[in-house]
């Protein structure tokens, strides 16, 4: 593990409101929530950006975990948004890949 913010959360050095954890992924509430429901799903393996990801199974696991949590938290039927930013111009702030899940209200500015 590296000394990045998310690696420190995985190690337990920084607290987080965990929603799910297994041996490969961790999900927790975003402390800068942009919607009533806003959580992150991250791999426990440090991967800096989506450009560095080479494990399709792990990347799919992030999406499936987000979907499972969205169902558990009651936002799946009304809808939610999954977003993964890549590098600075793409809006990535923490350089450890992470999937945002936002929901709990009608989201504006649809993408695509």
C-alpha atoms as a PDB file:
ATOM      1  CA  UNK A   1       0.000   0.000   0.000  1.00  0.00           C
ATOM      2  CA  UNK A   2       1.077   3.536  -0.671  1.00  0.00           C
ATOM      3  CA  UNK A   3       0.601   6.623   1.450  1.00  0.00           C
ATOM      4  CA  UNK A   4      -2.377   7.957  -0.536  1.00  0.00           C
ATOM      5  CA  UNK A   5      -5.542   9.046   1.273  1.00  0.00           C
ATOM      6  CA  UNK A   6      -7.557   6.007   0.222  1.00  0.00           C
ATOM      7  CA  UNK A   7      -4.761   3.588   1.106  1.00  0.00           C
ATOM      8  CA  UNK A   8      -4.754   5.142   4.579  1.00  0.00           C
ATOM      9  CA  UNK A   9      -8.535   4.586   4.816  1.00  0.00           C
ATOM     10  CA  UNK A  10      -8.061   0.949   3.754  1.00  0.00           C
ATOM     11  CA  UNK A  11      -5.339   0.532   6.398  1.00  0.00           C
ATOM     12  CA  UNK A  12      -7.616   2.030   9.075  1.00  0.00           C
ATOM     13  CA  UNK A  13      -5.330   5.008   9.658  1.00  0.00           C
ATOM     14  CA  UNK A  14      -8.070   7.440   8.589  1.00  0.00           C
ATOM     15  CA  UNK A  15     -11.687   6.809   9.636  1.00  0.00           C
ATOM     16  CA  UNK A  16     -14.460   6.401   7.081  1.00  0.00           C
ATOM     17  CA  UNK A  17     -18.132   5.530   7.271  1.00  0.00           C
ATOM     18  CA  UNK A  18     -17.890   2.122   5.664  1.00  0.00           C
ATOM     19  CA  UNK A  19     -20.837   0.706   3.742  1.00  0.00           C
ATOM     20  CA  UNK A  20     -19.227  -2.484   2.430  1.00  0.00           C
ATOM     21  CA  UNK A  21     -15.910  -4.293   2.625  1.00  0.00           C
ATOM     22  CA  UNK A  22     -14.491  -7.553   1.381  1.00  0.00           C
ATOM     23  CA  UNK A  23     -11.000  -8.733   0.541  1.00  0.00           C
ATOM     24  CA  UNK A  24     -10.838  -6.764  -2.751  1.00  0.00           C
ATOM     25  CA  UNK A  25     -13.019  -3.649  -2.427  1.00  0.00           C
ATOM     26  CA  UNK A  26     -14.155  -1.066   0.092  1.00  0.00           C
ATOM     27  CA  UNK A  27     -17.143   1.272  -0.107  1.00  0.00           C
ATOM     28  CA  UNK A  28     -17.657   4.288   2.118  1.00  0.00           C
ATOM     29  CA  UNK A  29     -19.599   7.548   2.253  1.00  0.00           C
ATOM     30  CA  UNK A  30     -18.037  10.524   0.502  1.00  0.00           C
ATOM     31  CA  UNK A  31     -17.261  13.246   3.059  1.00  0.00           C
ATOM     32  CA  UNK A  32     -17.921  15.897   0.381  1.00  0.00           C
ATOM     33  CA  UNK A  33     -21.302  14.525  -0.672  1.00  0.00           C
ATOM     34  CA  UNK A  34     -22.849  16.072  -3.772  1.00  0.00           C
ATOM     35  CA  UNK A  35     -26.166  14.229  -3.353  1.00  0.00           C
ATOM     36  CA  UNK A  36     -28.165  12.788  -0.436  1.00  0.00           C
ATOM     37  CA  UNK A  37     -26.552   9.443  -1.235  1.00  0.00           C
ATOM     38  CA  UNK A  38     -22.923   9.750  -2.338  1.00  0.00           C
ATOM     39  CA  UNK A  39     -20.482   6.953  -1.720  1.00  0.00           C
ATOM     40  CA  UNK A  40     -17.231   5.712  -3.205  1.00  0.00           C
ATOM     41  CA  UNK A  41     -16.232   2.195  -4.160  1.00  0.00           C
ATOM     42  CA  UNK A  42     -12.482   1.599  -4.331  1.00  0.00           C
ATOM     43  CA  UNK A  43     -10.211  -1.371  -4.900  1.00  0.00           C
ATOM     44  CA  UNK A  44      -7.984  -2.290  -1.974  1.00  0.00           C
ATOM     45  CA  UNK A  45      -5.143  -2.602  -4.456  1.00  0.00           C
ATOM     46  CA  UNK A  46      -3.614   0.797  -5.176  1.00  0.00           C
ATOM     47  CA  UNK A  47      -4.250   1.686  -8.826  1.00  0.00           C
ATOM     48  CA  UNK A  48      -3.609   5.356  -9.547  1.00  0.00           C
ATOM     49  CA  UNK A  49      -5.930   6.060 -12.487  1.00  0.00           C
ATOM     50  CA  UNK A  50      -8.317   4.177 -14.760  1.00  0.00           C
ATOM     51  CA  UNK A  51      -5.521   4.310 -17.346  1.00  0.00           C
ATOM     52  CA  UNK A  52      -3.486   2.046 -15.057  1.00  0.00           C
ATOM     53  CA  UNK A  53      -6.231  -0.538 -14.536  1.00  0.00           C
ATOM     54  CA  UNK A  54      -5.711  -3.846 -16.294  1.00  0.00           C
ATOM     55  CA  UNK A  55      -8.014  -6.161 -14.355  1.00  0.00           C
ATOM     56  CA  UNK A  56     -11.452  -6.287 -15.992  1.00  0.00           C
ATOM     57  CA  UNK A  57     -12.835  -8.484 -13.223  1.00  0.00           C
ATOM     58  CA  UNK A  58     -11.849  -5.986 -10.526  1.00  0.00           C
ATOM     59  CA  UNK A  59     -13.237  -3.042 -12.501  1.00  0.00           C
ATOM     60  CA  UNK A  60     -16.516  -4.910 -12.930  1.00  0.00           C
ATOM     61  CA  UNK A  61     -16.547  -5.720  -9.232  1.00  0.00           C
ATOM     62  CA  UNK A  62     -16.506  -1.981  -8.446  1.00  0.00           C
ATOM     63  CA  UNK A  63     -19.666  -1.483 -10.538  1.00  0.00           C
ATOM     64  CA  UNK A  64     -21.442  -4.536  -9.147  1.00  0.00           C
ATOM     65  CA  UNK A  65     -20.624  -3.468  -5.589  1.00  0.00           C
ATOM     66  CA  UNK A  66     -22.006   0.024  -6.252  1.00  0.00           C
ATOM     67  CA  UNK A  67     -25.205  -1.490  -7.670  1.00  0.00           C
ATOM     68  CA  UNK A  68     -25.611  -3.780  -4.649  1.00  0.00           C
ATOM     69  CA  UNK A  69     -25.205  -0.863  -2.233  1.00  0.00           C
ATOM     70  CA  UNK A  70     -27.569   1.342  -4.267  1.00  0.00           C
ATOM     71  CA  UNK A  71     -30.232  -1.365  -3.922  1.00  0.00           C
ATOM     72  CA  UNK A  72     -29.582  -1.716  -0.178  1.00  0.00           C
ATOM     73  CA  UNK A  73     -29.809   2.054   0.317  1.00  0.00           C
ATOM     74  CA  UNK A  74     -33.072   2.355  -1.623  1.00  0.00           C
ATOM     75  CA  UNK A  75     -31.896   4.427  -4.585  1.00  0.00           C
ATOM     76  CA  UNK A  76     -31.766   1.770  -7.301  1.00  0.00           C
ATOM     77  CA  UNK A  77     -35.367   2.075  -8.480  1.00  0.00           C
ATOM     78  CA  UNK A  78     -35.449   5.876  -8.694  1.00  0.00           C
ATOM     79  CA  UNK A  79     -31.962   5.999 -10.210  1.00  0.00           C
ATOM     80  CA  UNK A  80     -28.388   6.887  -9.484  1.00  0.00           C
ATOM     81  CA  UNK A  81     -25.235   7.929 -11.310  1.00  0.00           C
ATOM     82  CA  UNK A  82     -21.900   6.115 -11.452  1.00  0.00           C
ATOM     83  CA  UNK A  83     -18.846   8.247 -12.270  1.00  0.00           C
ATOM     84  CA  UNK A  84     -15.136   7.501 -12.460  1.00  0.00           C
ATOM     85  CA  UNK A  85     -12.817  10.441 -13.127  1.00  0.00           C
ATOM     86  CA  UNK A  86      -9.427  10.033 -14.789  1.00  0.00           C
ATOM     87  CA  UNK A  87      -6.491  12.384 -14.228  1.00  0.00           C
ATOM     88  CA  UNK A  88      -6.630  16.090 -13.388  1.00  0.00           C
ATOM     89  CA  UNK A  89      -8.454  17.291 -16.510  1.00  0.00           C
ATOM     90  CA  UNK A  90     -11.068  14.594 -15.929  1.00  0.00           C
ATOM     91  CA  UNK A  91     -11.666  15.795 -12.379  1.00  0.00           C
ATOM     92  CA  UNK A  92      -9.672  13.165 -10.476  1.00  0.00           C
ATOM     93  CA  UNK A  93      -8.464  14.583  -7.158  1.00  0.00           C
ATOM     94  CA  UNK A  94      -7.348  11.452  -5.283  1.00  0.00           C
ATOM     95  CA  UNK A  95      -5.054   9.327  -7.418  1.00  0.00           C
ATOM     96  CA  UNK A  96      -6.401   5.937  -6.365  1.00  0.00           C
ATOM     97  CA  UNK A  97      -9.191   4.822  -8.666  1.00  0.00           C
ATOM     98  CA  UNK A  98     -12.630   5.221  -7.198  1.00  0.00           C
ATOM     99  CA  UNK A  99     -16.168   4.911  -8.464  1.00  0.00           C
ATOM    100  CA  UNK A 100     -18.618   7.560  -7.269  1.00  0.00           C
ATOM    101  CA  UNK A 101     -22.254   6.566  -6.787  1.00  0.00           C
ATOM    102  CA  UNK A 102     -24.669   9.495  -6.433  1.00  0.00           C
ATOM    103  CA  UNK A 103     -28.424   9.347  -5.895  1.00  0.00           C
ATOM    104  CA  UNK A 104     -31.288  10.142  -3.598  1.00  0.00           C
ATOM    105  CA  UNK A 105     -32.567  13.049  -5.692  1.00  0.00           C
ATOM    106  CA  UNK A 106     -33.070  13.929  -9.321  1.00  0.00           C
ATOM    107  CA  UNK A 107     -29.630  14.673 -10.716  1.00  0.00           C
ATOM    108  CA  UNK A 108     -29.197  17.598 -13.070  1.00  0.00           C
ATOM    109  CA  UNK A 109     -26.849  18.031 -15.998  1.00  0.00           C
ATOM    110  CA  UNK A 110     -27.189  14.586 -17.536  1.00  0.00           C
ATOM    111  CA  UNK A 111     -24.112  13.221 -19.234  1.00  0.00           C
ATOM    112  CA  UNK A 112     -24.732  11.805 -22.682  1.00  0.00           C
END
